[in-house]
Amino acid sequence: MAFTPSHVMNLLKSAKTFDKVLEKVKIISIGNGNCTAELKISEEHSNVMGGLHGGLSATLVDMISTYGLFSHKYGEVPSVSVDLHTTFMKAARVGDIIEIDSKTVRVGKNLAFLEVLIKK
């Protein structure tokens, strides 16, 4: 299965599952275990204070890292999240464009380790 930016974006736009929450995400690049995406924060992505909702931030980390990992060697890598750690440094607000940058650090037989940075 090819994991190209257009392929992943088509999957997100046609999703009927939970992945639908990412239908406005734009995949910039994908390959070799890495994935970079963009999202313009709109009201549907915000919390009551007008910032990017923390739950959506965690979802972005989980999903974008998964797409990057699948581009490493699809079907030959662990594909279930076992630990997700987030540190929030600064809020993104409605109207901001964020970049989600995922890098595969190491892939073992049973676990893969990735890091994701979300920045404005």
N, C-alpha and C. Protein backbone atom coordinates (compact mmCIF):
# COMPACT_ATOMS: atom_id res chain seq x y z
N MET A 1 0.85 -1.18 0.00
CA MET A 1 0.00 0.00 0.00
C MET A 1 0.89 1.24 0.00
N ALA A 2 0.62 2.16 -0.89
CA ALA A 2 1.40 3.40 -0.98
C ALA A 2 0.89 4.42 0.02
N PHE A 3 1.80 5.00 0.78
CA PHE A 3 1.43 6.07 1.70
C PHE A 3 2.01 7.37 1.17
N THR A 4 1.31 7.95 0.21
CA THR A 4 1.68 9.24 -0.35
C THR A 4 0.80 10.30 0.32
N PRO A 5 1.20 11.58 0.26
CA PRO A 5 0.33 12.62 0.83
C PRO A 5 -1.09 12.57 0.29
N SER A 6 -1.23 12.43 -1.02
CA SER A 6 -2.59 12.42 -1.59
C SER A 6 -3.37 11.19 -1.16
N HIS A 7 -2.71 10.04 -1.03
CA HIS A 7 -3.39 8.83 -0.59
C HIS A 7 -3.94 8.99 0.83
N VAL A 8 -3.11 9.49 1.74
CA VAL A 8 -3.55 9.66 3.13
C VAL A 8 -4.64 10.71 3.22
N MET A 9 -4.51 11.82 2.47
CA MET A 9 -5.55 12.86 2.50
C MET A 9 -6.87 12.31 1.98
N ASN A 10 -6.85 11.48 0.95
CA ASN A 10 -8.07 10.86 0.45
C ASN A 10 -8.69 9.95 1.50
N LEU A 11 -7.85 9.21 2.23
CA LEU A 11 -8.36 8.37 3.31
C LEU A 11 -9.07 9.22 4.37
N LEU A 12 -8.46 10.34 4.74
CA LEU A 12 -9.04 11.20 5.77
C LEU A 12 -10.34 11.84 5.31
N LYS A 13 -10.39 12.28 4.06
CA LYS A 13 -11.60 12.95 3.54
C LYS A 13 -12.78 11.99 3.38
N SER A 14 -12.48 10.72 3.10
CA SER A 14 -13.56 9.76 2.88
C SER A 14 -13.87 8.93 4.13
N ALA A 15 -13.19 9.20 5.23
CA ALA A 15 -13.36 8.41 6.45
C ALA A 15 -14.78 8.50 7.00
N LYS A 16 -15.27 7.39 7.46
CA LYS A 16 -16.54 7.35 8.17
C LYS A 16 -16.30 6.95 9.63
N THR A 17 -15.06 6.66 9.95
CA THR A 17 -14.68 6.27 11.31
C THR A 17 -14.14 7.49 12.06
N PHE A 18 -13.53 7.27 13.20
CA PHE A 18 -13.00 8.36 14.02
C PHE A 18 -12.02 9.24 13.26
N ASP A 19 -11.33 8.66 12.29
CA ASP A 19 -10.36 9.42 11.48
C ASP A 19 -10.99 10.66 10.84
N LYS A 20 -12.31 10.69 10.75
CA LYS A 20 -13.00 11.82 10.14
C LYS A 20 -12.69 13.14 10.86
N VAL A 21 -12.31 13.07 12.14
CA VAL A 21 -11.98 14.30 12.86
C VAL A 21 -10.78 15.01 12.25
N LEU A 22 -10.02 14.29 11.41
CA LEU A 22 -8.83 14.86 10.79
C LEU A 22 -9.05 15.23 9.32
N GLU A 23 -10.31 15.31 8.89
CA GLU A 23 -10.58 15.56 7.48
C GLU A 23 -10.01 16.87 6.95
N LYS A 24 -9.74 17.83 7.82
CA LYS A 24 -9.18 19.12 7.38
C LYS A 24 -7.65 19.17 7.48
N VAL A 25 -7.04 18.07 7.89
CA VAL A 25 -5.58 17.99 7.96
C VAL A 25 -5.03 17.86 6.55
N LYS A 26 -3.97 18.61 6.27
CA LYS A 26 -3.29 18.54 4.97
C LYS A 26 -1.95 17.84 5.18
N ILE A 27 -1.75 16.71 4.52
CA ILE A 27 -0.49 15.99 4.60
C ILE A 27 0.50 16.67 3.65
N ILE A 28 1.61 17.15 4.20
CA ILE A 28 2.62 17.85 3.42
C ILE A 28 3.64 16.87 2.83
N SER A 29 4.12 15.96 3.67
CA SER A 29 5.08 14.96 3.19
C SER A 29 4.94 13.70 4.03
N ILE A 30 5.31 12.59 3.41
CA ILE A 30 5.25 11.31 4.11
C ILE A 30 6.25 10.37 3.45
N GLY A 31 6.97 9.62 4.27
CA GLY A 31 7.91 8.64 3.74
C GLY A 31 9.04 8.37 4.71
N ASN A 32 9.66 7.21 4.56
CA ASN A 32 10.80 6.81 5.39
C ASN A 32 10.52 6.90 6.88
N GLY A 33 9.28 6.65 7.27
CA GLY A 33 8.92 6.66 8.68
C GLY A 33 8.53 8.01 9.24
N ASN A 34 8.49 9.02 8.41
CA ASN A 34 8.17 10.38 8.86
C ASN A 34 6.91 10.90 8.17
N CYS A 35 6.25 11.83 8.83
CA CYS A 35 5.07 12.46 8.26
C CYS A 35 4.97 13.89 8.77
N THR A 36 4.71 14.81 7.86
CA THR A 36 4.50 16.21 8.22
C THR A 36 3.13 16.62 7.69
N ALA A 37 2.36 17.29 8.55
CA ALA A 37 1.01 17.70 8.19
C ALA A 37 0.75 19.11 8.69
N GLU A 38 -0.30 19.73 8.16
CA GLU A 38 -0.72 21.08 8.56
C GLU A 38 -2.20 21.07 8.87
N LEU A 39 -2.60 21.96 9.76
CA LEU A 39 -4.02 22.13 10.07
C LEU A 39 -4.26 23.58 10.45
N LYS A 40 -5.26 24.20 9.81
CA LYS A 40 -5.70 25.53 10.22
C LYS A 40 -6.74 25.33 11.31
N ILE A 41 -6.47 25.87 12.48
CA ILE A 41 -7.35 25.69 13.63
C ILE A 41 -8.64 26.48 13.41
N SER A 42 -9.75 25.77 13.45
CA SER A 42 -11.05 26.42 13.35
C SER A 42 -11.82 26.17 14.65
N GLU A 43 -12.98 26.76 14.76
CA GLU A 43 -13.76 26.67 16.00
C GLU A 43 -14.03 25.22 16.40
N GLU A 44 -14.25 24.36 15.42
CA GLU A 44 -14.54 22.95 15.72
C GLU A 44 -13.35 22.23 16.37
N HIS A 45 -12.15 22.80 16.28
CA HIS A 45 -10.95 22.21 16.85
C HIS A 45 -10.60 22.80 18.22
N SER A 46 -11.41 23.75 18.68
CA SER A 46 -11.04 24.53 19.86
C SER A 46 -11.75 24.07 21.13
N ASN A 47 -11.18 24.51 22.24
CA ASN A 47 -11.82 24.33 23.54
C ASN A 47 -12.62 25.60 23.84
N VAL A 48 -13.22 25.67 25.01
CA VAL A 48 -14.07 26.82 25.34
C VAL A 48 -13.28 28.13 25.48
N MET A 49 -11.97 28.03 25.58
CA MET A 49 -11.14 29.23 25.70
C MET A 49 -10.55 29.66 24.35
N GLY A 50 -10.97 28.98 23.25
CA GLY A 50 -10.52 29.37 21.92
C GLY A 50 -9.17 28.82 21.52
N GLY A 51 -8.64 27.88 22.29
CA GLY A 51 -7.36 27.25 21.96
C GLY A 51 -7.57 25.87 21.39
N LEU A 52 -6.54 25.34 20.75
CA LEU A 52 -6.60 23.97 20.23
C LEU A 52 -6.91 23.01 21.38
N HIS A 53 -7.93 22.19 21.22
CA HIS A 53 -8.35 21.26 22.26
C HIS A 53 -7.25 20.23 22.50
N GLY A 54 -6.93 19.98 23.77
CA GLY A 54 -5.87 19.04 24.12
C GLY A 54 -6.14 17.63 23.62
N GLY A 55 -7.40 17.22 23.61
CA GLY A 55 -7.75 15.90 23.10
C GLY A 55 -7.46 15.78 21.62
N LEU A 56 -7.71 16.86 20.87
CA LEU A 56 -7.38 16.84 19.45
C LEU A 56 -5.87 16.84 19.25
N SER A 57 -5.15 17.56 20.10
CA SER A 57 -3.68 17.54 20.03
C SER A 57 -3.17 16.11 20.18
N ALA A 58 -3.69 15.39 21.16
CA ALA A 58 -3.28 14.00 21.38
C ALA A 58 -3.65 13.12 20.18
N THR A 59 -4.82 13.37 19.61
CA THR A 59 -5.24 12.61 18.43
C THR A 59 -4.31 12.89 17.26
N LEU A 60 -3.94 14.15 17.07
CA LEU A 60 -3.00 14.50 15.99
C LEU A 60 -1.67 13.76 16.18
N VAL A 61 -1.17 13.75 17.40
CA VAL A 61 0.09 13.05 17.68
C VAL A 61 -0.05 11.57 17.34
N ASP A 62 -1.12 10.95 17.81
CA ASP A 62 -1.34 9.52 17.60
C ASP A 62 -1.49 9.18 16.11
N MET A 63 -2.32 9.92 15.42
CA MET A 63 -2.63 9.58 14.02
C MET A 63 -1.50 9.93 13.06
N ILE A 64 -0.94 11.13 13.17
CA ILE A 64 0.12 11.53 12.23
C ILE A 64 1.36 10.66 12.43
N SER A 65 1.67 10.30 13.68
CA SER A 65 2.80 9.40 13.89
C SER A 65 2.52 8.02 13.30
N THR A 66 1.28 7.57 13.37
CA THR A 66 0.92 6.28 12.78
C THR A 66 1.12 6.30 11.27
N TYR A 67 0.69 7.37 10.61
CA TYR A 67 0.89 7.46 9.16
C TYR A 67 2.37 7.44 8.82
N GLY A 68 3.17 8.18 9.59
CA GLY A 68 4.61 8.16 9.36
C GLY A 68 5.19 6.78 9.55
N LEU A 69 4.78 6.12 10.62
CA LEU A 69 5.27 4.77 10.90
C LEU A 69 4.91 3.81 9.77
N PHE A 70 3.68 3.89 9.29
CA PHE A 70 3.26 3.01 8.19
C PHE A 70 4.09 3.24 6.93
N SER A 71 4.59 4.45 6.76
CA SER A 71 5.42 4.70 5.57
C SER A 71 6.81 4.11 5.73
N HIS A 72 7.14 3.66 6.93
CA HIS A 72 8.44 3.02 7.18
C HIS A 72 8.49 1.67 6.48
N LYS A 73 7.60 0.78 6.85
CA LYS A 73 7.46 -0.53 6.22
C LYS A 73 6.06 -1.01 6.56
N TYR A 74 5.10 -0.68 5.72
CA TYR A 74 3.70 -0.99 6.01
C TYR A 74 3.51 -2.47 6.30
N GLY A 75 2.80 -2.75 7.36
CA GLY A 75 2.48 -4.13 7.71
C GLY A 75 3.59 -4.85 8.45
N GLU A 76 4.76 -4.24 8.52
CA GLU A 76 5.89 -4.89 9.17
C GLU A 76 6.31 -4.16 10.44
N VAL A 77 5.48 -3.26 10.92
CA VAL A 77 5.81 -2.48 12.10
C VAL A 77 4.70 -2.60 13.14
N PRO A 78 5.03 -2.41 14.42
CA PRO A 78 3.97 -2.40 15.44
C PRO A 78 2.99 -1.26 15.13
N SER A 79 1.70 -1.51 15.34
CA SER A 79 0.74 -0.48 14.93
C SER A 79 -0.33 -0.18 15.98
N VAL A 80 -0.03 -0.40 17.23
CA VAL A 80 -0.94 -0.05 18.31
C VAL A 80 -0.18 0.83 19.30
N SER A 81 -0.77 1.96 19.65
CA SER A 81 -0.12 2.86 20.61
C SER A 81 -0.18 2.24 22.01
N VAL A 82 0.97 2.23 22.69
CA VAL A 82 1.01 1.70 24.05
C VAL A 82 1.31 2.80 25.07
N ASP A 83 1.85 3.92 24.62
CA ASP A 83 2.16 5.02 25.52
C ASP A 83 2.14 6.32 24.72
N LEU A 84 1.48 7.31 25.27
CA LEU A 84 1.39 8.61 24.62
C LEU A 84 1.62 9.66 25.69
N HIS A 85 2.67 10.42 25.51
CA HIS A 85 3.02 11.45 26.49
C HIS A 85 3.01 12.80 25.78
N THR A 86 2.32 13.77 26.36
CA THR A 86 2.27 15.10 25.75
C THR A 86 2.69 16.16 26.75
N THR A 87 3.39 17.15 26.24
CA THR A 87 3.75 18.32 27.02
C THR A 87 3.27 19.53 26.23
N PHE A 88 2.47 20.38 26.85
CA PHE A 88 1.92 21.55 26.17
C PHE A 88 2.72 22.78 26.57
N MET A 89 3.29 23.45 25.59
CA MET A 89 4.16 24.60 25.86
C MET A 89 3.44 25.93 25.63
N LYS A 90 2.60 26.00 24.59
CA LYS A 90 1.93 27.25 24.23
C LYS A 90 0.68 26.90 23.42
N ALA A 91 -0.38 27.64 23.65
CA ALA A 91 -1.64 27.35 22.97
C ALA A 91 -1.64 27.82 21.52
N ALA A 92 -2.25 27.03 20.68
CA ALA A 92 -2.57 27.46 19.32
C ALA A 92 -4.01 27.95 19.36
N ARG A 93 -4.31 29.02 18.67
CA ARG A 93 -5.64 29.65 18.71
C ARG A 93 -6.36 29.47 17.38
N VAL A 94 -7.68 29.67 17.43
CA VAL A 94 -8.49 29.64 16.22
C VAL A 94 -7.88 30.62 15.22
N GLY A 95 -7.69 30.14 13.99
CA GLY A 95 -7.07 30.94 12.93
C GLY A 95 -5.61 30.63 12.71
N ASP A 96 -4.94 30.06 13.72
CA ASP A 96 -3.53 29.68 13.58
C ASP A 96 -3.41 28.47 12.65
N ILE A 97 -2.31 28.39 11.96
CA ILE A 97 -1.96 27.20 11.19
C ILE A 97 -0.86 26.49 11.94
N ILE A 98 -1.10 25.23 12.25
CA ILE A 98 -0.10 24.45 12.96
C ILE A 98 0.53 23.42 12.03
N GLU A 99 1.77 23.06 12.34
CA GLU A 99 2.47 21.99 11.63
C GLU A 99 2.67 20.84 12.61
N ILE A 100 2.37 19.65 12.15
CA ILE A 100 2.56 18.45 12.96
C ILE A 100 3.67 17.65 12.29
N ASP A 101 4.78 17.47 12.98
CA ASP A 101 5.96 16.83 12.39
C ASP A 101 6.29 15.57 13.18
N SER A 102 6.13 14.42 12.54
CA SER A 102 6.36 13.13 13.19
C SER A 102 7.62 12.47 12.61
N LYS A 103 8.44 11.95 13.50
CA LYS A 103 9.66 11.25 13.08
C LYS A 103 9.74 9.90 13.78
N THR A 104 10.03 8.87 13.01
CA THR A 104 10.25 7.55 13.59
C THR A 104 11.68 7.51 14.10
N VAL A 105 11.82 7.25 15.38
CA VAL A 105 13.14 7.23 16.02
C VAL A 105 13.76 5.84 15.94
N ARG A 106 12.94 4.81 16.24
CA ARG A 106 13.45 3.45 16.22
C ARG A 106 12.30 2.48 16.06
N VAL A 107 12.51 1.42 15.30
CA VAL A 107 11.51 0.38 15.12
C VAL A 107 12.13 -0.95 15.53
N GLY A 108 11.50 -1.58 16.50
CA GLY A 108 11.94 -2.90 16.94
C GLY A 108 10.94 -3.95 16.52
N LYS A 109 11.11 -5.16 17.03
CA LYS A 109 10.22 -6.26 16.68
C LYS A 109 8.81 -6.05 17.22
N ASN A 110 8.70 -5.52 18.45
CA ASN A 110 7.39 -5.36 19.08
C ASN A 110 6.99 -3.92 19.34
N LEU A 111 7.94 -3.01 19.34
CA LEU A 111 7.64 -1.61 19.64
C LEU A 111 8.35 -0.69 18.65
N ALA A 112 7.71 0.43 18.41
CA ALA A 112 8.33 1.50 17.63
C ALA A 112 8.30 2.76 18.50
N PHE A 113 9.30 3.59 18.33
CA PHE A 113 9.39 4.82 19.10
C PHE A 113 9.38 6.00 18.14
N LEU A 114 8.47 6.93 18.38
CA LEU A 114 8.32 8.09 17.52
C LEU A 114 8.28 9.35 18.35
N GLU A 115 8.63 10.47 17.75
CA GLU A 115 8.47 11.76 18.41
C GLU A 115 7.71 12.67 17.47
N VAL A 116 6.86 13.50 18.05
CA VAL A 116 6.02 14.40 17.28
C VAL A 116 6.11 15.79 17.90
N LEU A 117 6.25 16.78 17.03
CA LEU A 117 6.29 18.17 17.47
C LEU A 117 5.15 18.90 16.75
N ILE A 118 4.33 19.60 17.52
CA ILE A 118 3.29 20.45 16.95
C ILE A 118 3.73 21.89 17.18
N LYS A 119 3.81 22.66 16.11
CA LYS A 119 4.25 24.05 16.26
C LYS A 119 3.47 24.97 15.36
N LYS A 120 3.44 26.27 15.77
CA LYS A 120 2.76 27.29 14.98
C LYS A 120 3.72 27.87 13.99
